[in-house]
Amino acid sequence: MKTINNLWAPVAAHPLLARSLQLVLTLALYAGGAYVVALVGGDARIPLVLYAVYFLPAVLRSWLQFYWRLRDDVKSLGGHRGKTNKAL
């Protein structure tokens, strides 16, 4: 367990990197699962459609978490925008 914590420490120090890896892993698992379902299902399209629809929210959630983290980081780097909330 200590080895895993030591390996994960550089990634945990950079939250955007951690979210990026999470997004890539989620997309890879989603695509791999769809490929396996397509192989097992043969010519049938219903299992592939059901898989895609059922697991799509997990992919979208991962993407939104990445986007929100990036947006928050960009906002924290920006200056004060005043009452109009427009960039200077």
N, C-alpha and C. Protein backbone atom coordinates (compact mmCIF):
# COMPACT_ATOMS: atom_id res chain seq x y z
N MET A 1 0.83 -1.19 0.00
CA MET A 1 0.00 0.00 0.00
C MET A 1 0.87 1.25 0.00
N LYS A 2 1.98 1.19 0.73
CA LYS A 2 2.86 2.35 0.80
C LYS A 2 3.51 2.62 -0.56
N THR A 3 3.78 1.57 -1.32
CA THR A 3 4.37 1.73 -2.65
C THR A 3 3.39 2.43 -3.59
N ILE A 4 2.14 2.06 -3.50
CA ILE A 4 1.12 2.71 -4.34
C ILE A 4 1.01 4.19 -3.98
N ASN A 5 1.03 4.50 -2.69
CA ASN A 5 0.96 5.90 -2.27
C ASN A 5 2.17 6.68 -2.76
N ASN A 6 3.35 6.07 -2.75
CA ASN A 6 4.55 6.74 -3.24
C ASN A 6 4.47 6.98 -4.75
N LEU A 7 3.91 6.03 -5.48
CA LEU A 7 3.78 6.19 -6.92
C LEU A 7 2.71 7.22 -7.28
N TRP A 8 1.67 7.31 -6.46
CA TRP A 8 0.56 8.22 -6.74
C TRP A 8 0.84 9.65 -6.27
N ALA A 9 1.83 9.86 -5.43
CA ALA A 9 2.11 11.18 -4.85
C ALA A 9 2.36 12.26 -5.90
N PRO A 10 3.18 12.04 -6.94
CA PRO A 10 3.37 13.11 -7.94
C PRO A 10 2.08 13.47 -8.68
N VAL A 11 1.24 12.49 -8.91
CA VAL A 11 -0.01 12.77 -9.61
C VAL A 11 -0.97 13.50 -8.67
N ALA A 12 -1.03 13.10 -7.43
CA ALA A 12 -1.93 13.73 -6.47
C ALA A 12 -1.53 15.18 -6.19
N ALA A 13 -0.27 15.50 -6.39
CA ALA A 13 0.18 16.88 -6.17
C ALA A 13 -0.34 17.82 -7.26
N HIS A 14 -0.74 17.27 -8.39
CA HIS A 14 -1.26 18.06 -9.50
C HIS A 14 -2.67 17.59 -9.82
N PRO A 15 -3.70 18.24 -9.28
CA PRO A 15 -5.08 17.76 -9.48
C PRO A 15 -5.51 17.71 -10.94
N LEU A 16 -5.03 18.65 -11.75
CA LEU A 16 -5.42 18.64 -13.16
C LEU A 16 -4.86 17.41 -13.87
N LEU A 17 -3.65 17.02 -13.52
CA LEU A 17 -3.05 15.82 -14.08
C LEU A 17 -3.85 14.58 -13.66
N ALA A 18 -4.26 14.55 -12.41
CA ALA A 18 -5.04 13.41 -11.93
C ALA A 18 -6.37 13.32 -12.67
N ARG A 19 -7.03 14.46 -12.89
CA ARG A 19 -8.31 14.45 -13.62
C ARG A 19 -8.09 14.06 -15.08
N SER A 20 -6.97 14.49 -15.67
CA SER A 20 -6.67 14.14 -17.06
C SER A 20 -6.48 12.63 -17.19
N LEU A 21 -5.74 12.05 -16.26
CA LEU A 21 -5.54 10.59 -16.30
C LEU A 21 -6.85 9.85 -16.08
N GLN A 22 -7.69 10.39 -15.21
CA GLN A 22 -9.00 9.78 -14.98
C GLN A 22 -9.83 9.81 -16.25
N LEU A 23 -9.80 10.94 -16.96
CA LEU A 23 -10.56 11.06 -18.20
C LEU A 23 -10.05 10.08 -19.26
N VAL A 24 -8.74 9.99 -19.42
CA VAL A 24 -8.17 9.09 -20.41
C VAL A 24 -8.48 7.63 -20.06
N LEU A 25 -8.36 7.28 -18.80
CA LEU A 25 -8.66 5.92 -18.37
C LEU A 25 -10.14 5.59 -18.59
N THR A 26 -11.02 6.52 -18.28
CA THR A 26 -12.45 6.29 -18.47
C THR A 26 -12.78 6.10 -19.94
N LEU A 27 -12.21 6.95 -20.80
CA LEU A 27 -12.46 6.81 -22.24
C LEU A 27 -11.91 5.48 -22.78
N ALA A 28 -10.73 5.09 -22.30
CA ALA A 28 -10.14 3.83 -22.75
C ALA A 28 -10.99 2.63 -22.31
N LEU A 29 -11.45 2.65 -21.07
CA LEU A 29 -12.28 1.55 -20.59
C LEU A 29 -13.63 1.50 -21.31
N TYR A 30 -14.19 2.67 -21.58
CA TYR A 30 -15.47 2.74 -22.31
C TYR A 30 -15.31 2.17 -23.72
N ALA A 31 -14.26 2.59 -24.42
CA ALA A 31 -14.03 2.10 -25.78
C ALA A 31 -13.71 0.61 -25.77
N GLY A 32 -12.90 0.18 -24.80
CA GLY A 32 -12.57 -1.24 -24.71
C GLY A 32 -13.79 -2.09 -24.41
N GLY A 33 -14.64 -1.62 -23.54
CA GLY A 33 -15.87 -2.35 -23.23
C GLY A 33 -16.79 -2.43 -24.43
N ALA A 34 -16.90 -1.33 -25.16
CA ALA A 34 -17.74 -1.35 -26.37
C ALA A 34 -17.18 -2.32 -27.40
N TYR A 35 -15.87 -2.38 -27.50
CA TYR A 35 -15.23 -3.31 -28.44
C TYR A 35 -15.52 -4.76 -28.04
N VAL A 36 -15.41 -5.06 -26.76
CA VAL A 36 -15.68 -6.42 -26.28
C VAL A 36 -17.14 -6.79 -26.50
N VAL A 37 -18.04 -5.86 -26.21
CA VAL A 37 -19.47 -6.14 -26.43
C VAL A 37 -19.75 -6.36 -27.91
N ALA A 38 -19.09 -5.59 -28.77
CA ALA A 38 -19.28 -5.78 -30.22
C ALA A 38 -18.74 -7.14 -30.67
N LEU A 39 -17.62 -7.57 -30.08
CA LEU A 39 -17.09 -8.89 -30.44
C LEU A 39 -18.00 -10.01 -29.97
N VAL A 40 -18.48 -9.90 -28.75
CA VAL A 40 -19.34 -10.95 -28.19
C VAL A 40 -20.71 -10.95 -28.87
N GLY A 41 -21.21 -9.76 -29.16
CA GLY A 41 -22.55 -9.65 -29.74
C GLY A 41 -22.64 -10.06 -31.18
N GLY A 42 -21.53 -10.08 -31.88
CA GLY A 42 -21.56 -10.44 -33.30
C GLY A 42 -22.27 -9.37 -34.12
N ASP A 43 -23.29 -9.80 -34.88
CA ASP A 43 -24.03 -8.87 -35.73
C ASP A 43 -25.12 -8.12 -34.99
N ALA A 44 -25.44 -8.54 -33.78
CA ALA A 44 -26.51 -7.89 -33.02
C ALA A 44 -26.05 -6.51 -32.55
N ARG A 45 -26.86 -5.53 -32.79
CA ARG A 45 -26.52 -4.15 -32.41
C ARG A 45 -27.14 -3.73 -31.08
N ILE A 46 -28.17 -4.40 -30.64
CA ILE A 46 -28.87 -4.02 -29.41
C ILE A 46 -27.94 -4.07 -28.19
N PRO A 47 -27.13 -5.12 -27.99
CA PRO A 47 -26.25 -5.12 -26.82
C PRO A 47 -25.26 -3.95 -26.84
N LEU A 48 -24.76 -3.61 -28.00
CA LEU A 48 -23.82 -2.49 -28.11
C LEU A 48 -24.50 -1.18 -27.80
N VAL A 49 -25.69 -0.99 -28.28
CA VAL A 49 -26.44 0.25 -28.00
C VAL A 49 -26.77 0.33 -26.51
N LEU A 50 -27.19 -0.77 -25.93
CA LEU A 50 -27.50 -0.77 -24.49
C LEU A 50 -26.26 -0.46 -23.66
N TYR A 51 -25.14 -1.05 -24.03
CA TYR A 51 -23.88 -0.77 -23.32
C TYR A 51 -23.53 0.72 -23.44
N ALA A 52 -23.59 1.24 -24.66
CA ALA A 52 -23.21 2.63 -24.89
C ALA A 52 -24.11 3.59 -24.11
N VAL A 53 -25.40 3.33 -24.10
CA VAL A 53 -26.32 4.22 -23.40
C VAL A 53 -26.16 4.09 -21.89
N TYR A 54 -25.95 2.88 -21.40
CA TYR A 54 -25.86 2.66 -19.96
C TYR A 54 -24.60 3.28 -19.36
N PHE A 55 -23.47 3.19 -20.05
CA PHE A 55 -22.21 3.68 -19.49
C PHE A 55 -21.82 5.08 -19.95
N LEU A 56 -22.59 5.69 -20.83
CA LEU A 56 -22.27 7.04 -21.29
C LEU A 56 -22.27 8.07 -20.15
N PRO A 57 -23.17 8.01 -19.16
CA PRO A 57 -23.10 8.98 -18.07
C PRO A 57 -21.78 8.97 -17.31
N ALA A 58 -21.14 7.82 -17.19
CA ALA A 58 -19.84 7.77 -16.51
C ALA A 58 -18.79 8.54 -17.30
N VAL A 59 -18.82 8.41 -18.61
CA VAL A 59 -17.87 9.13 -19.46
C VAL A 59 -18.16 10.63 -19.39
N LEU A 60 -19.41 11.00 -19.46
CA LEU A 60 -19.76 12.42 -19.39
C LEU A 60 -19.40 13.02 -18.04
N ARG A 61 -19.58 12.27 -16.98
CA ARG A 61 -19.23 12.76 -15.65
C ARG A 61 -17.72 13.00 -15.54
N SER A 62 -16.95 12.09 -16.07
CA SER A 62 -15.49 12.26 -16.06
C SER A 62 -15.09 13.50 -16.85
N TRP A 63 -15.69 13.69 -18.02
CA TRP A 63 -15.38 14.86 -18.84
C TRP A 63 -15.77 16.15 -18.12
N LEU A 64 -16.95 16.16 -17.49
CA LEU A 64 -17.39 17.37 -16.79
C LEU A 64 -16.50 17.68 -15.59
N GLN A 65 -16.05 16.67 -14.87
CA GLN A 65 -15.14 16.92 -13.76
C GLN A 65 -13.83 17.52 -14.25
N PHE A 66 -13.33 17.02 -15.36
CA PHE A 66 -12.12 17.58 -15.95
C PHE A 66 -12.34 19.03 -16.37
N TYR A 67 -13.46 19.29 -17.03
CA TYR A 67 -13.77 20.64 -17.49
C TYR A 67 -13.93 21.60 -16.31
N TRP A 68 -14.67 21.19 -15.28
CA TRP A 68 -14.89 22.07 -14.13
C TRP A 68 -13.58 22.38 -13.40
N ARG A 69 -12.71 21.38 -13.28
CA ARG A 69 -11.41 21.60 -12.64
C ARG A 69 -10.58 22.60 -13.46
N LEU A 70 -10.56 22.42 -14.76
CA LEU A 70 -9.82 23.32 -15.64
C LEU A 70 -10.40 24.73 -15.57
N ARG A 71 -11.72 24.84 -15.59
CA ARG A 71 -12.38 26.15 -15.51
C ARG A 71 -12.07 26.84 -14.19
N ASP A 72 -12.11 26.10 -13.10
CA ASP A 72 -11.81 26.69 -11.80
C ASP A 72 -10.36 27.14 -11.71
N ASP A 73 -9.46 26.36 -12.29
CA ASP A 73 -8.04 26.75 -12.29
C ASP A 73 -7.81 28.00 -13.11
N VAL A 74 -8.46 28.11 -14.25
CA VAL A 74 -8.32 29.30 -15.09
C VAL A 74 -8.91 30.52 -14.38
N LYS A 75 -10.06 30.34 -13.73
CA LYS A 75 -10.66 31.46 -13.00
C LYS A 75 -9.78 31.92 -11.85
N SER A 76 -9.12 30.98 -11.19
CA SER A 76 -8.26 31.36 -10.06
C SER A 76 -7.01 32.09 -10.53
N LEU A 77 -6.58 31.84 -11.76
CA LEU A 77 -5.42 32.54 -12.31
C LEU A 77 -5.76 33.94 -12.79
N GLY A 78 -7.01 34.15 -13.18
CA GLY A 78 -7.44 35.44 -13.71
C GLY A 78 -7.55 36.48 -12.61
N GLY A 79 -7.59 37.72 -13.04
CA GLY A 79 -7.70 38.83 -12.09
C GLY A 79 -9.13 39.11 -11.70
N HIS A 80 -9.32 40.19 -10.97
CA HIS A 80 -10.64 40.62 -10.54
C HIS A 80 -11.40 41.17 -11.74
N ARG A 81 -12.64 40.75 -11.93
CA ARG A 81 -13.40 41.16 -13.10
C ARG A 81 -14.42 42.24 -12.79
N GLY A 82 -14.63 42.55 -11.56
CA GLY A 82 -15.57 43.61 -11.21
C GLY A 82 -17.01 43.14 -11.29
N LYS A 83 -17.94 44.11 -11.32
CA LYS A 83 -19.36 43.79 -11.29
C LYS A 83 -19.87 43.26 -12.62
N THR A 84 -19.23 43.61 -13.72
CA THR A 84 -19.74 43.19 -15.03
C THR A 84 -19.38 41.74 -15.35
N ASN A 85 -18.44 41.16 -14.64
CA ASN A 85 -18.00 39.78 -14.83
C ASN A 85 -17.43 39.57 -16.23
N LYS A 86 -16.89 40.62 -16.82
CA LYS A 86 -16.27 40.52 -18.13
C LYS A 86 -14.75 40.62 -17.96
N ALA A 87 -14.05 39.98 -18.85
CA ALA A 87 -12.60 40.03 -18.81
C ALA A 87 -12.12 41.43 -19.15
N LEU A 88 -11.02 41.82 -18.56
CA LEU A 88 -10.48 43.16 -18.84
C LEU A 88 -9.73 43.18 -20.13
